[in-house]
PDB file of N, CA and C in Angstrom:
ATOM      1  N   UNK A   1      23.869  14.865  40.812  1.00  0.00           N
ATOM      2  CA  UNK A   1      23.511  14.287  39.262  1.00  0.00           C
ATOM      3  C   UNK A   1      23.083  15.082  38.728  1.00  0.00           C
ATOM      4  N   UNK A   2      23.672  15.243  37.348  1.00  0.00           N
ATOM      5  CA  UNK A   2      23.138  16.210  36.067  1.00  0.00           C
ATOM      6  C   UNK A   2      22.072  15.931  35.988  1.00  0.00           C
ATOM      7  N   UNK A   3      21.279  17.247  35.210  1.00  0.00           N
ATOM      8  CA  UNK A   3      20.096  17.060  34.968  1.00  0.00           C
ATOM      9  C   UNK A   3      19.481  16.264  33.872  1.00  0.00           C
ATOM     10  N   UNK A   4      20.745  16.314  32.496  1.00  0.00           N
ATOM     11  CA  UNK A   4      20.648  14.967  31.718  1.00  0.00           C
ATOM     12  C   UNK A   4      20.225  13.611  32.049  1.00  0.00           C
ATOM     13  N   UNK A   5      20.903  13.261  33.412  1.00  0.00           N
ATOM     14  CA  UNK A   5      20.925  12.042  33.804  1.00  0.00           C
ATOM     15  C   UNK A   5      19.388  11.970  34.755  1.00  0.00           C
ATOM     16  N   UNK A   6      19.435  13.182  35.525  1.00  0.00           N
ATOM     17  CA  UNK A   6      17.960  13.262  36.144  1.00  0.00           C
ATOM     18  C   UNK A   6      16.966  12.638  34.918  1.00  0.00           C
ATOM     19  N   UNK A   7      16.975  13.404  33.988  1.00  0.00           N
ATOM     20  CA  UNK A   7      15.941  13.245  33.358  1.00  0.00           C
ATOM     21  C   UNK A   7      15.658  11.611  32.539  1.00  0.00           C
ATOM     22  N   UNK A   8      17.052  11.331  32.254  1.00  0.00           N
ATOM     23  CA  UNK A   8      17.110  10.146  31.692  1.00  0.00           C
ATOM     24  C   UNK A   8      16.514   8.744  32.881  1.00  0.00           C
ATOM     25  N   UNK A   9      17.119   8.819  33.912  1.00  0.00           N
ATOM     26  CA  UNK A   9      15.972   8.273  34.871  1.00  0.00           C
ATOM     27  C   UNK A   9      15.045   8.342  34.971  1.00  0.00           C
ATOM     28  N   UNK A  10      14.197   9.687  34.856  1.00  0.00           N
ATOM     29  CA  UNK A  10      12.671   9.737  35.044  1.00  0.00           C
ATOM     30  C   UNK A  10      12.090   9.235  33.785  1.00  0.00           C
ATOM     31  N   UNK A  11      12.685   9.580  32.595  1.00  0.00           N
ATOM     32  CA  UNK A  11      12.356   8.732  31.366  1.00  0.00           C
ATOM     33  C   UNK A  11      12.355   7.287  31.132  1.00  0.00           C
ATOM     34  N   UNK A  12      13.326   7.000  32.039  1.00  0.00           N
ATOM     35  CA  UNK A  12      13.622   5.566  32.068  1.00  0.00           C
ATOM     36  C   UNK A  12      12.539   4.591  32.755  1.00  0.00           C
ATOM     37  N   UNK A  13      12.467   5.496  34.299  1.00  0.00           N
ATOM     38  CA  UNK A  13      11.175   4.938  34.728  1.00  0.00           C
ATOM     39  C   UNK A  13       9.703   4.840  34.577  1.00  0.00           C
ATOM     40  N   UNK A  14       9.758   5.888  33.509  1.00  0.00           N
ATOM     41  CA  UNK A  14       8.368   5.956  32.899  1.00  0.00           C
ATOM     42  C   UNK A  14       8.065   5.261  31.950  1.00  0.00           C
ATOM     43  N   UNK A  15       9.136   4.872  31.415  1.00  0.00           N
ATOM     44  CA  UNK A  15       8.842   3.649  30.214  1.00  0.00           C
ATOM     45  C   UNK A  15       8.805   2.272  30.694  1.00  0.00           C
ATOM     46  N   UNK A  16       9.603   1.996  32.266  1.00  0.00           N
ATOM     47  CA  UNK A  16       8.881   0.788  32.827  1.00  0.00           C
ATOM     48  C   UNK A  16       7.789   0.591  33.062  1.00  0.00           C
ATOM     49  N   UNK A  17       7.192   1.544  33.811  1.00  0.00           N
ATOM     50  CA  UNK A  17       5.552   1.705  34.014  1.00  0.00           C
ATOM     51  C   UNK A  17       4.840   1.833  32.974  1.00  0.00           C
ATOM     52  N   UNK A  18       5.100   2.204  32.068  1.00  0.00           N
ATOM     53  CA  UNK A  18       4.342   2.339  30.684  1.00  0.00           C
ATOM     54  C   UNK A  18       3.902   0.990  30.194  1.00  0.00           C
ATOM     55  N   UNK A  19       5.267   0.045  30.011  1.00  0.00           N
ATOM     56  CA  UNK A  19       5.771  -1.294  29.673  1.00  0.00           C
ATOM     57  C   UNK A  19       5.057  -2.199  30.535  1.00  0.00           C
ATOM     58  N   UNK A  20       4.717  -1.694  31.754  1.00  0.00           N
ATOM     59  CA  UNK A  20       3.877  -2.910  32.858  1.00  0.00           C
ATOM     60  C   UNK A  20       2.211  -2.625  32.847  1.00  0.00           C
ATOM     61  N   UNK A  21       2.020  -1.316  31.965  1.00  0.00           N
ATOM     62  CA  UNK A  21       0.352  -0.932  32.200  1.00  0.00           C
ATOM     63  C   UNK A  21      -0.155  -1.848  30.853  1.00  0.00           C
ATOM     64  N   UNK A  22       0.617  -1.809  29.810  1.00  0.00           N
ATOM     65  CA  UNK A  22       0.389  -1.985  28.165  1.00  0.00           C
ATOM     66  C   UNK A  22       0.968  -3.461  27.812  1.00  0.00           C
ATOM     67  N   UNK A  23       0.144  -3.961  26.939  1.00  0.00           N
ATOM     68  CA  UNK A  23       0.754  -5.249  26.223  1.00  0.00           C
ATOM     69  C   UNK A  23       1.707  -4.837  25.308  1.00  0.00           C
ATOM     70  N   UNK A  24       2.748  -5.619  25.296  1.00  0.00           N
ATOM     71  CA  UNK A  24       4.115  -5.442  24.220  1.00  0.00           C
ATOM     72  C   UNK A  24       3.580  -5.156  23.206  1.00  0.00           C
ATOM     73  N   UNK A  25       2.528  -5.407  22.576  1.00  0.00           N
ATOM     74  CA  UNK A  25       2.527  -5.483  21.154  1.00  0.00           C
ATOM     75  C   UNK A  25       1.594  -3.431  21.266  1.00  0.00           C
ATOM     76  N   UNK A  26       1.816  -2.873  22.315  1.00  0.00           N
ATOM     77  CA  UNK A  26       1.085  -1.409  22.276  1.00  0.00           C
ATOM     78  C   UNK A  26       2.178  -0.632  22.639  1.00  0.00           C
ATOM     79  N   UNK A  27       3.441  -1.269  22.596  1.00  0.00           N
ATOM     80  CA  UNK A  27       4.678   0.019  23.307  1.00  0.00           C
ATOM     81  C   UNK A  27       5.397  -0.124  22.371  1.00  0.00           C
ATOM     82  N   UNK A  28       5.975   1.077  21.903  1.00  0.00           N
ATOM     83  CA  UNK A  28       7.302   1.384  21.294  1.00  0.00           C
ATOM     84  C   UNK A  28       7.950   2.339  22.294  1.00  0.00           C
ATOM     85  N   UNK A  29       9.406   1.933  22.278  1.00  0.00           N
ATOM     86  CA  UNK A  29      10.206   2.824  23.174  1.00  0.00           C
ATOM     87  C   UNK A  29      11.078   3.398  21.677  1.00  0.00           C
ATOM     88  N   UNK A  30      11.293   4.988  22.005  1.00  0.00           N
ATOM     89  CA  UNK A  30      12.100   5.749  21.116  1.00  0.00           C
ATOM     90  C   UNK A  30      13.564   6.157  22.184  1.00  0.00           C
ATOM     91  N   UNK A  31      14.636   6.008  21.425  1.00  0.00           N
ATOM     92  CA  UNK A  31      15.718   6.050  22.286  1.00  0.00           C
ATOM     93  C   UNK A  31      16.402   7.480  21.709  1.00  0.00           C
ATOM     94  N   UNK A  32      17.096   8.142  22.716  1.00  0.00           N
ATOM     95  CA  UNK A  32      17.921   9.351  22.116  1.00  0.00           C
ATOM     96  C   UNK A  32      19.297   9.074  22.739  1.00  0.00           C
ATOM     97  N   UNK A  33      19.975  10.002  22.980  1.00  0.00           N
ATOM     98  CA  UNK A  33      21.430   9.961  23.371  1.00  0.00           C
ATOM     99  C   UNK A  33      21.201   9.774  24.942  1.00  0.00           C
ATOM    100  N   UNK A  34      20.457  10.270  25.595  1.00  0.00           N
ATOM    101  CA  UNK A  34      20.126  10.277  26.879  1.00  0.00           C
ATOM    102  C   UNK A  34      19.227   9.991  27.568  1.00  0.00           C
ATOM    103  N   UNK A  35      17.815   9.645  26.889  1.00  0.00           N
ATOM    104  CA  UNK A  35      16.849   8.918  27.589  1.00  0.00           C
ATOM    105  C   UNK A  35      15.645   8.100  26.623  1.00  0.00           C
ATOM    106  N   UNK A  36      15.114   7.642  26.939  1.00  0.00           N
ATOM    107  CA  UNK A  36      13.913   6.380  26.534  1.00  0.00           C
ATOM    108  C   UNK A  36      12.442   7.136  26.491  1.00  0.00           C
ATOM    109  N   UNK A  37      11.519   7.087  25.793  1.00  0.00           N
ATOM    110  CA  UNK A  37      10.450   7.560  25.970  1.00  0.00           C
ATOM    111  C   UNK A  37       9.610   6.286  25.163  1.00  0.00           C
ATOM    112  N   UNK A  38       8.273   6.360  26.073  1.00  0.00           N
ATOM    113  CA  UNK A  38       7.378   5.411  25.738  1.00  0.00           C
ATOM    114  C   UNK A  38       6.287   5.946  25.079  1.00  0.00           C
ATOM    115  N   UNK A  39       5.746   5.541  24.142  1.00  0.00           N
ATOM    116  CA  UNK A  39       4.906   5.911  23.117  1.00  0.00           C
ATOM    117  C   UNK A  39       3.726   4.780  22.987  1.00  0.00           C
ATOM    118  N   UNK A  40       2.727   4.870  23.649  1.00  0.00           N
ATOM    119  CA  UNK A  40       1.303   4.334  22.962  1.00  0.00           C
ATOM    120  C   UNK A  40       0.819   3.824  21.952  1.00  0.00           C
ATOM    121  N   UNK A  41       0.533   2.764  21.433  1.00  0.00           N
ATOM    122  CA  UNK A  41       0.095   2.376  19.879  1.00  0.00           C
ATOM    123  C   UNK A  41      -1.013   1.975  20.209  1.00  0.00           C
ATOM    124  N   UNK A  42      -2.397   2.350  21.047  1.00  0.00           N
ATOM    125  CA  UNK A  42      -3.257   1.921  21.388  1.00  0.00           C
ATOM    126  C   UNK A  42      -4.134   1.623  20.042  1.00  0.00           C
ATOM    127  N   UNK A  43      -4.019   0.602  19.264  1.00  0.00           N
ATOM    128  CA  UNK A  43      -4.944   0.373  18.407  1.00  0.00           C
ATOM    129  C   UNK A  43      -5.530  -1.017  18.836  1.00  0.00           C
ATOM    130  N   UNK A  44      -6.494  -1.244  18.358  1.00  0.00           N
ATOM    131  CA  UNK A  44      -7.575  -2.707  18.615  1.00  0.00           C
ATOM    132  C   UNK A  44      -8.107  -2.701  17.575  1.00  0.00           C
ATOM    133  N   UNK A  45      -8.938  -4.248  17.355  1.00  0.00           N
ATOM    134  CA  UNK A  45      -9.686  -4.470  16.223  1.00  0.00           C
ATOM    135  C   UNK A  45     -10.828  -3.637  16.319  1.00  0.00           C
ATOM    136  N   UNK A  46     -11.395  -3.264  15.097  1.00  0.00           N
ATOM    137  CA  UNK A  46     -12.725  -2.291  15.043  1.00  0.00           C
ATOM    138  C   UNK A  46     -12.067  -0.963  14.858  1.00  0.00           C
ATOM    139  N   UNK A  47     -10.964  -0.603  15.009  1.00  0.00           N
ATOM    140  CA  UNK A  47     -10.216   0.525  15.192  1.00  0.00           C
ATOM    141  C   UNK A  47     -10.492   1.160  13.653  1.00  0.00           C
ATOM    142  N   UNK A  48     -10.948   2.719  13.340  1.00  0.00           N
ATOM    143  CA  UNK A  48     -10.490   2.780  11.903  1.00  0.00           C
ATOM    144  C   UNK A  48      -9.203   3.965  11.671  1.00  0.00           C
ATOM    145  N   UNK A  49      -8.428   3.735  11.286  1.00  0.00           N
ATOM    146  CA  UNK A  49      -7.363   4.443  10.915  1.00  0.00           C
ATOM    147  C   UNK A  49      -7.555   4.783   9.568  1.00  0.00           C
ATOM    148  N   UNK A  50      -6.119   5.600   9.403  1.00  0.00           N
ATOM    149  CA  UNK A  50      -5.947   6.052   8.101  1.00  0.00           C
ATOM    150  C   UNK A  50      -4.340   6.372   7.855  1.00  0.00           C
ATOM    151  N   UNK A  51      -3.683   5.810   6.786  1.00  0.00           N
ATOM    152  CA  UNK A  51      -2.431   5.984   6.459  1.00  0.00           C
ATOM    153  C   UNK A  51      -1.992   7.447   6.626  1.00  0.00           C
ATOM    154  N   UNK A  52      -0.630   7.377   7.329  1.00  0.00           N
ATOM    155  CA  UNK A  52      -0.431   8.820   8.124  1.00  0.00           C
ATOM    156  C   UNK A  52       1.114   9.073   7.065  1.00  0.00           C
ATOM    157  N   UNK A  53       1.818   8.153   6.683  1.00  0.00           N
ATOM    158  CA  UNK A  53       3.049   8.350   5.528  1.00  0.00           C
ATOM    159  C   UNK A  53       2.531   8.684   4.654  1.00  0.00           C
ATOM    160  N   UNK A  54       3.584   9.581   3.898  1.00  0.00           N
ATOM    161  CA  UNK A  54       3.174   9.376   2.161  1.00  0.00           C
ATOM    162  C   UNK A  54       2.731   7.978   1.699  1.00  0.00           C
ATOM    163  N   UNK A  55       3.240   6.852   1.676  1.00  0.00           N
ATOM    164  CA  UNK A  55       2.754   6.230   1.241  1.00  0.00           C
ATOM    165  C   UNK A  55       3.111   4.548   1.904  1.00  0.00           C
ATOM    166  N   UNK A  56       1.980   3.739   2.315  1.00  0.00           N
ATOM    167  CA  UNK A  56       2.614   2.511   3.112  1.00  0.00           C
ATOM    168  C   UNK A  56       2.130   1.319   2.146  1.00  0.00           C
ATOM    169  N   UNK A  57       2.852  -0.045   2.147  1.00  0.00           N
ATOM    170  CA  UNK A  57       2.743  -0.881   1.674  1.00  0.00           C
ATOM    171  C   UNK A  57       1.503  -2.059   2.433  1.00  0.00           C
ATOM    172  N   UNK A  58       0.454  -2.632   1.635  1.00  0.00           N
ATOM    173  CA  UNK A  58      -0.150  -3.204   2.053  1.00  0.00           C
ATOM    174  C   UNK A  58       0.288  -4.595   1.981  1.00  0.00           C
ATOM    175  N   UNK A  59       0.668  -5.734   3.028  1.00  0.00           N
ATOM    176  CA  UNK A  59       1.322  -7.000   2.624  1.00  0.00           C
ATOM    177  C   UNK A  59       0.165  -8.434   2.638  1.00  0.00           C
ATOM    178  N   UNK A  60       1.183  -9.411   2.449  1.00  0.00           N
ATOM    179  CA  UNK A  60       0.111 -10.431   2.582  1.00  0.00           C
ATOM    180  C   UNK A  60       0.447 -11.056   3.926  1.00  0.00           C
ATOM    181  N   UNK A  61       1.311 -10.505   4.477  1.00  0.00           N
ATOM    182  CA  UNK A  61       1.550 -11.254   5.624  1.00  0.00           C
ATOM    183  C   UNK A  61       2.308 -10.112   6.560  1.00  0.00           C
ATOM    184  N   UNK A  62       2.574 -10.653   8.374  1.00  0.00           N
ATOM    185  CA  UNK A  62       3.046  -9.333   8.939  1.00  0.00           C
ATOM    186  C   UNK A  62       4.434  -9.192   9.164  1.00  0.00           C
ATOM    187  N   UNK A  63       5.104  -9.031   7.888  1.00  0.00           N
ATOM    188  CA  UNK A  63       6.351  -8.898   7.940  1.00  0.00           C
ATOM    189  C   UNK A  63       6.785  -7.624   6.799  1.00  0.00           C
ATOM    190  N   UNK A  64       7.965  -7.477   6.629  1.00  0.00           N
ATOM    191  CA  UNK A  64       8.328  -6.239   5.304  1.00  0.00           C
ATOM    192  C   UNK A  64       8.780  -7.245   4.204  1.00  0.00           C
ATOM    193  N   UNK A  65       9.088  -8.450   4.543  1.00  0.00           N
ATOM    194  CA  UNK A  65       9.565  -9.397   3.133  1.00  0.00           C
ATOM    195  C   UNK A  65       7.951 -10.302   2.845  1.00  0.00           C
ATOM    196  N   UNK A  66       7.486  -9.854   3.404  1.00  0.00           N
ATOM    197  CA  UNK A  66       5.775 -10.353   2.994  1.00  0.00           C
ATOM    198  C   UNK A  66       5.246  -9.806   1.615  1.00  0.00           C
ATOM    199  N   UNK A  67       4.727 -10.460   0.949  1.00  0.00           N
ATOM    200  CA  UNK A  67       4.519  -9.974  -0.770  1.00  0.00           C
ATOM    201  C   UNK A  67       3.740  -8.800  -0.941  1.00  0.00           C
ATOM    202  N   UNK A  68       3.991  -7.910  -1.320  1.00  0.00           N
ATOM    203  CA  UNK A  68       3.256  -6.710  -1.511  1.00  0.00           C
ATOM    204  C   UNK A  68       2.295  -6.771  -1.980  1.00  0.00           C
ATOM    205  N   UNK A  69       0.864  -6.276  -1.298  1.00  0.00           N
ATOM    206  CA  UNK A  69      -0.221  -6.407  -2.325  1.00  0.00           C
ATOM    207  C   UNK A  69      -0.904  -4.902  -3.154  1.00  0.00           C
ATOM    208  N   UNK A  70      -0.625  -3.841  -2.670  1.00  0.00           N
ATOM    209  CA  UNK A  70      -0.796  -2.668  -2.598  1.00  0.00           C
ATOM    210  C   UNK A  70       0.046  -1.699  -2.319  1.00  0.00           C
ATOM    211  N   UNK A  71      -0.054  -0.337  -2.731  1.00  0.00           N
ATOM    212  CA  UNK A  71       0.561   0.717  -2.043  1.00  0.00           C
ATOM    213  C   UNK A  71      -0.391   1.561  -1.685  1.00  0.00           C
ATOM    214  N   UNK A  72      -0.620   1.817  -0.474  1.00  0.00           N
ATOM    215  CA  UNK A  72      -1.552   2.886  -0.035  1.00  0.00           C
ATOM    216  C   UNK A  72      -0.863   4.264  -0.014  1.00  0.00           C
ATOM    217  N   UNK A  73      -1.778   5.510  -0.502  1.00  0.00           N
ATOM    218  CA  UNK A  73      -1.481   6.377  -0.614  1.00  0.00           C
ATOM    219  C   UNK A  73      -1.816   7.476   1.143  1.00  0.00           C
ATOM    220  N   UNK A  74      -0.898   8.592   1.147  1.00  0.00           N
ATOM    221  CA  UNK A  74      -1.674   8.834   2.688  1.00  0.00           C
ATOM    222  C   UNK A  74      -2.726   9.240   2.713  1.00  0.00           C
ATOM    223  N   UNK A  75      -3.859   9.018   3.632  1.00  0.00           N
ATOM    224  CA  UNK A  75      -4.893   9.291   4.098  1.00  0.00           C
ATOM    225  C   UNK A  75      -6.224   8.334   3.872  1.00  0.00           C
ATOM    226  N   UNK A  76      -5.454   6.952   3.093  1.00  0.00           N
ATOM    227  CA  UNK A  76      -6.324   6.192   2.737  1.00  0.00           C
ATOM    228  C   UNK A  76      -7.107   5.647   4.296  1.00  0.00           C
ATOM    229  N   UNK A  77      -8.010   5.271   4.193  1.00  0.00           N
ATOM    230  CA  UNK A  77      -8.979   4.964   5.320  1.00  0.00           C
ATOM    231  C   UNK A  77      -8.742   3.162   5.453  1.00  0.00           C
ATOM    232  N   UNK A  78      -8.427   2.747   6.252  1.00  0.00           N
ATOM    233  CA  UNK A  78      -8.833   1.320   6.899  1.00  0.00           C
ATOM    234  C   UNK A  78      -9.167   1.045   8.376  1.00  0.00           C
ATOM    235  N   UNK A  79      -9.591  -0.567   8.554  1.00  0.00           N
ATOM    236  CA  UNK A  79     -10.555  -0.902   9.388  1.00  0.00           C
ATOM    237  C   UNK A  79      -9.555  -1.526   9.902  1.00  0.00           C
ATOM    238  N   UNK A  80      -9.405  -1.688  10.917  1.00  0.00           N
ATOM    239  CA  UNK A  80      -8.303  -2.523  11.536  1.00  0.00           C
ATOM    240  C   UNK A  80      -9.092  -3.814  12.161  1.00  0.00           C
ATOM    241  N   UNK A  81      -8.440  -4.962  11.906  1.00  0.00           N
ATOM    242  CA  UNK A  81      -9.358  -6.293  12.243  1.00  0.00           C
ATOM    243  C   UNK A  81      -8.754  -6.991  13.002  1.00  0.00           C
ATOM    244  N   UNK A  82      -7.215  -7.306  13.000  1.00  0.00           N
ATOM    245  CA  UNK A  82      -6.255  -7.924  13.851  1.00  0.00           C
ATOM    246  C   UNK A  82      -5.385  -6.840  14.426  1.00  0.00           C
ATOM    247  N   UNK A  83      -4.922  -6.933  15.943  1.00  0.00           N
ATOM    248  CA  UNK A  83      -3.316  -6.575  16.063  1.00  0.00           C
ATOM    249  C   UNK A  83      -2.566  -7.436  16.059  1.00  0.00           C
ATOM    250  N   UNK A  84      -1.664  -7.484  15.242  1.00  0.00           N
ATOM    251  CA  UNK A  84      -0.485  -8.602  15.296  1.00  0.00           C
ATOM    252  C   UNK A  84       0.548  -8.214  15.921  1.00  0.00           C
ATOM    253  N   UNK A  85       1.518  -9.487  15.948  1.00  0.00           N
ATOM    254  CA  UNK A  85       2.960  -9.112  16.564  1.00  0.00           C
ATOM    255  C   UNK A  85       4.024  -8.154  15.830  1.00  0.00           C
ATOM    256  N   UNK A  86       4.781  -7.735  16.352  1.00  0.00           N
ATOM    257  CA  UNK A  86       5.494  -7.036  15.648  1.00  0.00           C
ATOM    258  C   UNK A  86       5.491  -5.909  15.090  1.00  0.00           C
ATOM    259  N   UNK A  87       4.265  -4.766  15.819  1.00  0.00           N
ATOM    260  CA  UNK A  87       3.858  -3.759  15.302  1.00  0.00           C
ATOM    261  C   UNK A  87       3.387  -3.553  13.981  1.00  0.00           C
ATOM    262  N   UNK A  88       2.657  -4.959  13.442  1.00  0.00           N
ATOM    263  CA  UNK A  88       2.078  -4.714  12.358  1.00  0.00           C
ATOM    264  C   UNK A  88       0.310  -4.883  12.729  1.00  0.00           C
ATOM    265  N   UNK A  89      -0.571  -4.295  11.892  1.00  0.00           N
ATOM    266  CA  UNK A  89      -2.071  -4.499  12.051  1.00  0.00           C
ATOM    267  C   UNK A  89      -2.396  -5.211  10.736  1.00  0.00           C
ATOM    268  N   UNK A  90      -3.626  -6.019  10.800  1.00  0.00           N
ATOM    269  CA  UNK A  90      -4.247  -6.472   9.783  1.00  0.00           C
ATOM    270  C   UNK A  90      -5.415  -5.676   9.935  1.00  0.00           C
ATOM    271  N   UNK A  91      -5.836  -5.391   8.538  1.00  0.00           N
ATOM    272  CA  UNK A  91      -6.442  -3.928   8.371  1.00  0.00           C
ATOM    273  C   UNK A  91      -7.400  -4.461   6.518  1.00  0.00           C
ATOM    274  N   UNK A  92      -8.580  -3.962   6.888  1.00  0.00           N
ATOM    275  CA  UNK A  92      -9.651  -4.141   5.530  1.00  0.00           C
ATOM    276  C   UNK A  92      -9.761  -2.494   4.826  1.00  0.00           C
ATOM    277  N   UNK A  93      -9.383  -2.760   3.593  1.00  0.00           N
ATOM    278  CA  UNK A  93      -9.296  -1.599   2.738  1.00  0.00           C
ATOM    279  C   UNK A  93      -9.744  -1.413   1.543  1.00  0.00           C
ATOM    280  N   UNK A  94      -9.883  -0.420   0.791  1.00  0.00           N
ATOM    281  CA  UNK A  94     -10.186  -0.302  -0.437  1.00  0.00           C
ATOM    282  C   UNK A  94      -9.468  -1.251  -1.605  1.00  0.00           C
ATOM    283  N   UNK A  95      -8.427  -1.696  -1.412  1.00  0.00           N
ATOM    284  CA  UNK A  95      -7.289  -2.579  -2.208  1.00  0.00           C
ATOM    285  C   UNK A  95      -7.534  -3.829  -1.657  1.00  0.00           C
ATOM    286  N   UNK A  96      -8.421  -4.306  -0.071  1.00  0.00           N
ATOM    287  CA  UNK A  96      -8.365  -5.361  -0.076  1.00  0.00           C
ATOM    288  C   UNK A  96      -8.144  -5.479   1.637  1.00  0.00           C
ATOM    289  N   UNK A  97      -7.695  -7.088   1.754  1.00  0.00           N
ATOM    290  CA  UNK A  97      -7.309  -7.435   3.026  1.00  0.00           C
ATOM    291  C   UNK A  97      -5.624  -7.623   3.135  1.00  0.00           C
ATOM    292  N   UNK A  98      -4.524  -6.785   4.577  1.00  0.00           N
ATOM    293  CA  UNK A  98      -3.972  -7.346   4.378  1.00  0.00           C
ATOM    294  C   UNK A  98      -3.205  -6.702   5.506  1.00  0.00           C
ATOM    295  N   UNK A  99      -1.675  -6.481   5.712  1.00  0.00           N
ATOM    296  CA  UNK A  99      -1.279  -6.084   6.853  1.00  0.00           C
ATOM    297  C   UNK A  99      -0.392  -4.836   6.372  1.00  0.00           C
ATOM    298  N   UNK A 100      -0.394  -3.724   7.319  1.00  0.00           N
ATOM    299  CA  UNK A 100       0.408  -2.621   7.687  1.00  0.00           C
ATOM    300  C   UNK A 100       0.947  -2.364   8.547  1.00  0.00           C
ATOM    301  N   UNK A 101       2.198  -1.827   8.578  1.00  0.00           N
ATOM    302  CA  UNK A 101       3.089  -1.323   9.790  1.00  0.00           C
ATOM    303  C   UNK A 101       2.167  -0.672  10.516  1.00  0.00           C
ATOM    304  N   UNK A 102       1.994  -0.539  11.969  1.00  0.00           N
ATOM    305  CA  UNK A 102       1.245   0.155  12.964  1.00  0.00           C
ATOM    306  C   UNK A 102       1.940   1.624  12.958  1.00  0.00           C
ATOM    307  N   UNK A 103       2.855   1.683  12.663  1.00  0.00           N
ATOM    308  CA  UNK A 103       4.069   3.073  12.614  1.00  0.00           C
ATOM    309  C   UNK A 103       3.397   3.985  11.381  1.00  0.00           C
ATOM    310  N   UNK A 104       2.853   3.309  10.333  1.00  0.00           N
ATOM    311  CA  UNK A 104       2.546   4.148   9.188  1.00  0.00           C
ATOM    312  C   UNK A 104       1.069   4.995   9.510  1.00  0.00           C
ATOM    313  N   UNK A 105       0.398   4.069  10.587  1.00  0.00           N
ATOM    314  CA  UNK A 105      -1.189   4.594  10.567  1.00  0.00           C
ATOM    315  C   UNK A 105      -1.617   5.503  12.045  1.00  0.00           C
ATOM    316  N   UNK A 106      -2.630   5.877  11.560  1.00  0.00           N
ATOM    317  CA  UNK A 106      -2.718   6.627  12.898  1.00  0.00           C
ATOM    318  C   UNK A 106      -4.622   7.217  12.985  1.00  0.00           C
TER     319      UNK A 106
END
């Protein structure tokens, strides 16, 4: 077995183990040509987070198609009030309450 295939098998096994230990909303799989890596997004209600992207849209619902309430700049502090399905978090911030993609906050 080649080194790449061995690594791919090891990372696939890690992804399965991580998926079994975390709720589905707290797991993101990143794929490359040879392997998958599980990354935990362990956000929960009550957490304080900041926008980590250059900008993030605050939306009325947990969807990129939902009405945009405001544009949040990098570093904006937010309070997580709920973890929604599909990689979204409901937050409270200076521009009001709404949803932000969990990928854009840390």
